[in-house]
Amino acid sequence: GIANFVTFLENTGDWRRELREAEYGSLADDREFL
């Protein structure tokens, strides 16, 4: 499971990050909320 959305998005496979940010929010725009 995901415990920390920021470290998850930073460390997930490079090919997945953009797809996942579309769902959860982006590190650039939504870090505080995440």
All heavy atoms as atom14 arrays in JSON, in Angstrom:
{
  "sequence": "GIANFVTFLENTGDWRRELREAEYGSLADDREFL",
  "atom14_mask": [
    [1, 1, 1, 1, 0, 0, 0, 0, 0, 0, 0, 0, 0, 0],
    [1, 1, 1, 1, 1, 1, 1, 1, 0, 0, 0, 0, 0, 0],
    [1, 1, 1, 1, 1, 0, 0, 0, 0, 0, 0, 0, 0, 0],
    [1, 1, 1, 1, 1, 1, 1, 1, 0, 0, 0, 0, 0, 0],
    [1, 1, 1, 1, 1, 1, 1, 1, 1, 1, 1, 0, 0, 0],
    [1, 1, 1, 1, 1, 1, 1, 0, 0, 0, 0, 0, 0, 0],
    [1, 1, 1, 1, 1, 1, 1, 0, 0, 0, 0, 0, 0, 0],
    [1, 1, 1, 1, 1, 1, 1, 1, 1, 1, 1, 0, 0, 0],
    [1, 1, 1, 1, 1, 1, 1, 1, 0, 0, 0, 0, 0, 0],
    [1, 1, 1, 1, 1, 1, 1, 1, 1, 0, 0, 0, 0, 0],
    [1, 1, 1, 1, 1, 1, 1, 1, 0, 0, 0, 0, 0, 0],
    [1, 1, 1, 1, 1, 1, 1, 0, 0, 0, 0, 0, 0, 0],
    [1, 1, 1, 1, 0, 0, 0, 0, 0, 0, 0, 0, 0, 0],
    [1, 1, 1, 1, 1, 1, 1, 1, 0, 0, 0, 0, 0, 0],
    [1, 1, 1, 1, 1, 1, 1, 1, 1, 1, 1, 1, 1, 1],
    [1, 1, 1, 1, 1, 1, 1, 1, 1, 1, 1, 0, 0, 0],
    [1, 1, 1, 1, 1, 1, 1, 1, 1, 1, 1, 0, 0, 0],
    [1, 1, 1, 1, 1, 1, 1, 1, 1, 0, 0, 0, 0, 0],
    [1, 1, 1, 1, 1, 1, 1, 1, 0, 0, 0, 0, 0, 0],
    [1, 1, 1, 1, 1, 1, 1, 1, 1, 1, 1, 0, 0, 0],
    [1, 1, 1, 1, 1, 1, 1, 1, 1, 0, 0, 0, 0, 0],
    [1, 1, 1, 1, 1, 0, 0, 0, 0, 0, 0, 0, 0, 0],
    [1, 1, 1, 1, 1, 1, 1, 1, 1, 0, 0, 0, 0, 0],
    [1, 1, 1, 1, 1, 1, 1, 1, 1, 1, 1, 1, 0, 0],
    [1, 1, 1, 1, 0, 0, 0, 0, 0, 0, 0, 0, 0, 0],
    [1, 1, 1, 1, 1, 1, 0, 0, 0, 0, 0, 0, 0, 0],
    [1, 1, 1, 1, 1, 1, 1, 1, 0, 0, 0, 0, 0, 0],
    [1, 1, 1, 1, 1, 0, 0, 0, 0, 0, 0, 0, 0, 0],
    [1, 1, 1, 1, 1, 1, 1, 1, 0, 0, 0, 0, 0, 0],
    [1, 1, 1, 1, 1, 1, 1, 1, 0, 0, 0, 0, 0, 0],
    [1, 1, 1, 1, 1, 1, 1, 1, 1, 1, 1, 0, 0, 0],
    [1, 1, 1, 1, 1, 1, 1, 1, 1, 0, 0, 0, 0, 0],
    [1, 1, 1, 1, 1, 1, 1, 1, 1, 1, 1, 0, 0, 0],
    [1, 1, 1, 1, 1, 1, 1, 1, 0, 0, 0, 0, 0, 0]
  ],
  "atom14_positions": [
    [[0.79, -1.23, 0.0], [0.0, 0.0, 0.0], [0.83, 1.28, 0.0], [2.02, 1.28, 0.29], [0.0, 0.0, 0.0], [0.0, 0.0, 0.0], [0.0, 0.0, 0.0], [0.0, 0.0, 0.0], [0.0, 0.0, 0.0], [0.0, 0.0, 0.0], [0.0, 0.0, 0.0], [0.0, 0.0, 0.0], [0.0, 0.0, 0.0], [0.0, 0.0, 0.0]],
    [[0.15, 2.37, -0.35], [0.75, 3.71, -0.36], [0.58, 4.35, 1.01], [-0.55, 4.5, 1.49], [0.07, 4.6, -1.43], [0.18, 3.99, -2.82], [0.65, 6.02, -1.41], [-0.77, 4.62, -3.85], [0.0, 0.0, 0.0], [0.0, 0.0, 0.0], [0.0, 0.0, 0.0], [0.0, 0.0, 0.0], [0.0, 0.0, 0.0], [0.0, 0.0, 0.0]],
    [[1.69, 4.74, 1.64], [1.64, 5.43, 2.94], [1.83, 6.92, 2.79], [1.36, 7.72, 3.6], [2.7, 4.85, 3.88], [0.0, 0.0, 0.0], [0.0, 0.0, 0.0], [0.0, 0.0, 0.0], [0.0, 0.0, 0.0], [0.0, 0.0, 0.0], [0.0, 0.0, 0.0], [0.0, 0.0, 0.0], [0.0, 0.0, 0.0], [0.0, 0.0, 0.0]],
    [[2.55, 7.32, 1.74], [2.93, 8.72, 1.55], [2.86, 9.01, 0.05], [3.69, 8.52, -0.72], [4.35, 8.93, 2.1], [4.81, 10.37, 2.01], [4.35, 11.13, 1.16], [5.73, 10.74, 2.88], [0.0, 0.0, 0.0], [0.0, 0.0, 0.0], [0.0, 0.0, 0.0], [0.0, 0.0, 0.0], [0.0, 0.0, 0.0], [0.0, 0.0, 0.0]],
    [[1.88, 9.8, -0.38], [1.7, 10.04, -1.81], [2.91, 10.75, -2.42], [3.22, 10.54, -3.59], [0.43, 10.87, -2.05], [-0.81, 10.03, -2.12], [-1.76, 10.11, -1.12], [-1.03, 9.15, -3.17], [-2.91, 9.32, -1.17], [-2.16, 8.37, -3.24], [-3.12, 8.46, -2.23], [0.0, 0.0, 0.0], [0.0, 0.0, 0.0], [0.0, 0.0, 0.0]],
    [[3.61, 11.57, -1.65], [4.75, 12.3, -2.2], [5.9, 11.34, -2.5], [6.44, 11.32, -3.62], [5.19, 13.43, -1.25], [6.5, 14.06, -1.73], [4.09, 14.49, -1.16], [0.0, 0.0, 0.0], [0.0, 0.0, 0.0], [0.0, 0.0, 0.0], [0.0, 0.0, 0.0], [0.0, 0.0, 0.0], [0.0, 0.0, 0.0], [0.0, 0.0, 0.0]],
    [[6.28, 10.51, -1.52], [7.39, 9.57, -1.78], [6.98, 8.51, -2.79], [7.81, 8.05, -3.59], [7.87, 8.9, -0.48], [6.74, 8.29, 0.18], [8.5, 9.91, 0.46], [0.0, 0.0, 0.0], [0.0, 0.0, 0.0], [0.0, 0.0, 0.0], [0.0, 0.0, 0.0], [0.0, 0.0, 0.0], [0.0, 0.0, 0.0], [0.0, 0.0, 0.0]],
    [[5.7, 8.13, -2.79], [5.22, 7.17, -3.8], [5.41, 7.73, -5.2], [5.97, 7.08, -6.08], [3.74, 6.85, -3.53], [2.98, 6.36, -4.73], [3.28, 5.14, -5.32], [1.97, 7.12, -5.29], [2.57, 4.68, -6.42], [1.25, 6.68, -6.39], [1.57, 5.46, -6.96], [0.0, 0.0, 0.0], [0.0, 0.0, 0.0], [0.0, 0.0, 0.0]],
    [[4.95, 8.97, -5.44], [5.06, 9.54, -6.79], [6.51, 9.82, -7.16], [6.89, 9.71, -8.32], [4.24, 10.83, -6.87], [2.71, 10.63, -6.89], [1.99, 11.96, -6.73], [2.26, 9.94, -8.17], [0.0, 0.0, 0.0], [0.0, 0.0, 0.0], [0.0, 0.0, 0.0], [0.0, 0.0, 0.0], [0.0, 0.0, 0.0], [0.0, 0.0, 0.0]],
    [[7.33, 10.15, -6.18], [8.76, 10.41, -6.46], [9.48, 9.12, -6.88], [10.41, 9.16, -7.69], [9.44, 11.0, -5.22], [9.08, 12.46, -4.98], [9.65, 13.0, -3.66], [10.01, 12.19, -2.78], [9.71, 14.23, -3.52], [0.0, 0.0, 0.0], [0.0, 0.0, 0.0], [0.0, 0.0, 0.0], [0.0, 0.0, 0.0], [0.0, 0.0, 0.0]],
    [[9.05, 7.98, -6.34], [9.82, 6.76, -6.48], [9.18, 5.68, -7.35], [9.79, 4.65, -7.61], [10.12, 6.16, -5.1], [10.96, 7.08, -4.24], [11.95, 7.63, -4.73], [10.58, 7.28, -3.0], [0.0, 0.0, 0.0], [0.0, 0.0, 0.0], [0.0, 0.0, 0.0], [0.0, 0.0, 0.0], [0.0, 0.0, 0.0], [0.0, 0.0, 0.0]],
    [[7.94, 5.89, -7.82], [7.31, 4.89, -8.67], [8.04, 4.83, -10.03], [8.82, 5.73, -10.36], [5.8, 5.19, -8.87], [5.18, 4.04, -9.45], [5.57, 6.39, -9.78], [0.0, 0.0, 0.0], [0.0, 0.0, 0.0], [0.0, 0.0, 0.0], [0.0, 0.0, 0.0], [0.0, 0.0, 0.0], [0.0, 0.0, 0.0], [0.0, 0.0, 0.0]],
    [[7.79, 3.76, -10.8], [8.45, 3.62, -12.11], [8.25, 4.86, -12.97], [7.15, 5.41, -13.03], [0.0, 0.0, 0.0], [0.0, 0.0, 0.0], [0.0, 0.0, 0.0], [0.0, 0.0, 0.0], [0.0, 0.0, 0.0], [0.0, 0.0, 0.0], [0.0, 0.0, 0.0], [0.0, 0.0, 0.0], [0.0, 0.0, 0.0], [0.0, 0.0, 0.0]],
    [[9.32, 5.29, -13.66], [9.26, 6.52, -14.47], [8.1, 6.49, -15.45], [7.48, 7.51, -15.74], [10.56, 6.71, -15.26], [11.73, 7.04, -14.35], [11.48, 7.35, -13.18], [12.88, 6.99, -14.83], [0.0, 0.0, 0.0], [0.0, 0.0, 0.0], [0.0, 0.0, 0.0], [0.0, 0.0, 0.0], [0.0, 0.0, 0.0], [0.0, 0.0, 0.0]],
    [[7.81, 5.3, -15.99], [6.79, 5.17, -17.03], [5.37, 5.36, -16.46], [4.42, 5.52, -17.2], [6.9, 3.82, -17.72], [6.72, 2.64, -16.79], [5.54, 2.03, -16.43], [7.74, 1.95, -16.07], [5.77, 1.0, -15.54], [7.12, 0.93, -15.31], [9.15, 2.08, -16.0], [7.83, 0.06, -14.49], [9.84, 1.21, -15.2], [9.2, 0.22, -14.45]],
    [[5.23, 5.31, -15.11], [3.9, 5.37, -14.5], [3.55, 6.74, -13.92], [2.38, 7.02, -13.66], [3.8, 4.35, -13.35], [4.05, 2.93, -13.74], [3.83, 1.99, -12.56], [2.4, 1.84, -12.29], [1.78, 2.29, -11.21], [2.44, 2.96, -10.3], [0.5, 2.09, -11.05], [0.0, 0.0, 0.0], [0.0, 0.0, 0.0], [0.0, 0.0, 0.0]],
    [[4.58, 7.58, -13.69], [4.35, 8.77, -12.85], [3.27, 9.69, -13.42], [2.35, 10.12, -12.71], [5.66, 9.54, -12.66], [5.56, 10.69, -11.65], [6.91, 11.25, -11.3], [7.77, 10.22, -10.72], [8.83, 9.7, -11.32], [9.17, 10.09, -12.53], [9.55, 8.76, -10.73], [0.0, 0.0, 0.0], [0.0, 0.0, 0.0], [0.0, 0.0, 0.0]],
    [[3.34, 9.96, -14.72], [2.39, 10.9, -15.31], [0.96, 10.35, -15.24], [0.01, 11.08, -14.94], [2.79, 11.16, -16.77], [2.08, 12.35, -17.39], [2.59, 12.64, -18.8], [3.81, 12.5, -19.04], [1.77, 13.0, -19.64], [0.0, 0.0, 0.0], [0.0, 0.0, 0.0], [0.0, 0.0, 0.0], [0.0, 0.0, 0.0], [0.0, 0.0, 0.0]],
    [[0.81, 9.05, -15.49], [-0.52, 8.44, -15.41], [-1.08, 8.53, -14.0], [-2.27, 8.78, -13.8], [-0.44, 6.96, -15.81], [-0.37, 6.6, -17.29], [-0.21, 5.1, -17.44], [-1.62, 7.07, -18.02], [0.0, 0.0, 0.0], [0.0, 0.0, 0.0], [0.0, 0.0, 0.0], [0.0, 0.0, 0.0], [0.0, 0.0, 0.0], [0.0, 0.0, 0.0]],
    [[-0.23, 8.33, -13.0], [-0.7, 8.34, -11.61], [-1.0, 9.76, -11.14], [-1.93, 9.99, -10.36], [0.34, 7.69, -10.69], [0.56, 6.21, -10.95], [-0.68, 5.36, -10.63], [-1.71, 5.44, -11.64], [-3.0, 5.2, -11.46], [-3.45, 4.86, -10.27], [-3.87, 5.29, -12.43], [0.0, 0.0, 0.0], [0.0, 0.0, 0.0], [0.0, 0.0, 0.0]],
    [[-0.22, 10.74, -11.6], [-0.48, 12.13, -11.21], [-1.82, 12.61, -11.76], [-2.48, 13.45, -11.15], [0.66, 13.04, -11.69], [1.93, 12.85, -10.88], [2.99, 13.92, -11.18], [2.99, 14.46, -12.31], [3.78, 14.22, -10.27], [0.0, 0.0, 0.0], [0.0, 0.0, 0.0], [0.0, 0.0, 0.0], [0.0, 0.0, 0.0], [0.0, 0.0, 0.0]],
    [[-2.24, 12.06, -12.91], [-3.54, 12.42, -13.47], [-4.67, 12.04, -12.52], [-5.72, 12.69, -12.48], [-3.74, 11.73, -14.82], [0.0, 0.0, 0.0], [0.0, 0.0, 0.0], [0.0, 0.0, 0.0], [0.0, 0.0, 0.0], [0.0, 0.0, 0.0], [0.0, 0.0, 0.0], [0.0, 0.0, 0.0], [0.0, 0.0, 0.0], [0.0, 0.0, 0.0]],
    [[-4.45, 11.01, -11.71], [-5.48, 10.55, -10.77], [-5.34, 11.21, -9.4], [-6.32, 11.67, -8.82], [-5.36, 9.02, -10.62], [-6.13, 8.41, -9.46], [-7.65, 8.48, -9.63], [-8.12, 8.44, -10.78], [-8.35, 8.59, -8.61], [0.0, 0.0, 0.0], [0.0, 0.0, 0.0], [0.0, 0.0, 0.0], [0.0, 0.0, 0.0], [0.0, 0.0, 0.0]],
    [[-4.11, 11.25, -8.87], [-3.92, 11.64, -7.47], [-3.65, 13.13, -7.28], [-3.87, 13.67, -6.19], [-2.76, 10.85, -6.86], [-2.99, 9.37, -6.83], [-2.05, 8.48, -7.33], [-4.17, 8.84, -6.3], [-2.26, 7.1, -7.3], [-4.38, 7.47, -6.27], [-3.43, 6.61, -6.77], [-3.65, 5.25, -6.74], [0.0, 0.0, 0.0], [0.0, 0.0, 0.0]],
    [[-3.16, 13.79, -8.33], [-2.66, 15.15, -8.19], [-1.16, 15.15, -8.44], [-0.49, 14.11, -8.3], [0.0, 0.0, 0.0], [0.0, 0.0, 0.0], [0.0, 0.0, 0.0], [0.0, 0.0, 0.0], [0.0, 0.0, 0.0], [0.0, 0.0, 0.0], [0.0, 0.0, 0.0], [0.0, 0.0, 0.0], [0.0, 0.0, 0.0], [0.0, 0.0, 0.0]],
    [[-0.62, 16.29, -8.83], [0.8, 16.33, -9.22], [1.68, 16.85, -8.09], [1.26, 17.65, -7.25], [0.97, 17.21, -10.46], [0.82, 18.56, -10.13], [0.0, 0.0, 0.0], [0.0, 0.0, 0.0], [0.0, 0.0, 0.0], [0.0, 0.0, 0.0], [0.0, 0.0, 0.0], [0.0, 0.0, 0.0], [0.0, 0.0, 0.0], [0.0, 0.0, 0.0]],
    [[2.94, 16.41, -8.14], [3.91, 16.9, -7.16], [4.12, 18.41, -7.3], [4.34, 19.11, -6.31], [5.24, 16.16, -7.35], [5.22, 14.67, -6.96], [6.51, 13.99, -7.41], [5.04, 14.5, -5.46], [0.0, 0.0, 0.0], [0.0, 0.0, 0.0], [0.0, 0.0, 0.0], [0.0, 0.0, 0.0], [0.0, 0.0, 0.0], [0.0, 0.0, 0.0]],
    [[4.02, 18.89, -8.53], [4.25, 20.32, -8.77], [3.11, 21.18, -8.21], [3.35, 22.23, -7.59], [4.41, 20.58, -10.26], [0.0, 0.0, 0.0], [0.0, 0.0, 0.0], [0.0, 0.0, 0.0], [0.0, 0.0, 0.0], [0.0, 0.0, 0.0], [0.0, 0.0, 0.0], [0.0, 0.0, 0.0], [0.0, 0.0, 0.0], [0.0, 0.0, 0.0]],
    [[1.86, 20.73, -8.41], [0.72, 21.59, -8.08], [0.0, 21.23, -6.79], [-0.67, 22.08, -6.2], [-0.31, 21.55, -9.23], [0.28, 22.03, -10.54], [1.22, 22.85, -10.49], [-0.19, 21.58, -11.6], [0.0, 0.0, 0.0], [0.0, 0.0, 0.0], [0.0, 0.0, 0.0], [0.0, 0.0, 0.0], [0.0, 0.0, 0.0], [0.0, 0.0, 0.0]],
    [[0.11, 19.96, -6.36], [-0.75, 19.49, -5.28], [0.03, 18.91, -4.1], [-0.53, 18.19, -3.28], [-1.71, 18.42, -5.81], [-2.52, 18.91, -7.01], [-3.34, 19.81, -6.82], [-2.3, 18.39, -8.12], [0.0, 0.0, 0.0], [0.0, 0.0, 0.0], [0.0, 0.0, 0.0], [0.0, 0.0, 0.0], [0.0, 0.0, 0.0], [0.0, 0.0, 0.0]],
    [[1.32, 19.24, -4.01], [2.17, 18.61, -3.0], [1.61, 18.79, -1.58], [1.55, 17.84, -0.79], [3.59, 19.15, -3.08], [4.55, 18.51, -2.06], [5.95, 19.08, -2.18], [6.63, 18.6, -3.37], [7.53, 17.6, -3.36], [7.83, 16.98, -2.23], [8.12, 17.23, -4.46], [0.0, 0.0, 0.0], [0.0, 0.0, 0.0], [0.0, 0.0, 0.0]],
    [[1.15, 19.99, -1.27], [0.67, 20.27, 0.09], [-0.54, 19.38, 0.42], [-0.64, 18.81, 1.51], [0.31, 21.75, 0.22], [0.03, 22.19, 1.64], [-0.26, 23.68, 1.74], [0.31, 24.47, 0.94], [-1.08, 24.05, 2.59], [0.0, 0.0, 0.0], [0.0, 0.0, 0.0], [0.0, 0.0, 0.0], [0.0, 0.0, 0.0], [0.0, 0.0, 0.0]],
    [[-1.46, 19.27, -0.54], [-2.64, 18.44, -0.32], [-2.25, 16.97, -0.19], [-2.77, 16.25, 0.67], [-3.64, 18.62, -1.48], [-4.8, 17.68, -1.42], [-5.8, 17.85, -0.47], [-4.91, 16.63, -2.32], [-6.87, 16.97, -0.4], [-5.97, 15.75, -2.27], [-6.95, 15.92, -1.3], [0.0, 0.0, 0.0], [0.0, 0.0, 0.0], [0.0, 0.0, 0.0]],
    [[-1.32, 16.51, -1.04], [-0.88, 15.13, -0.99], [-0.23, 14.81, 0.36], [-0.41, 13.72, 0.92], [0.09, 14.83, -2.14], [-0.53, 14.87, -3.55], [0.56, 14.83, -4.62], [-1.5, 13.7, -3.75], [0.0, 0.0, 0.0], [0.0, 0.0, 0.0], [0.0, 0.0, 0.0], [0.0, 0.0, 0.0], [0.0, 0.0, 0.0], [0.0, 0.0, 0.0]]
  ]
}
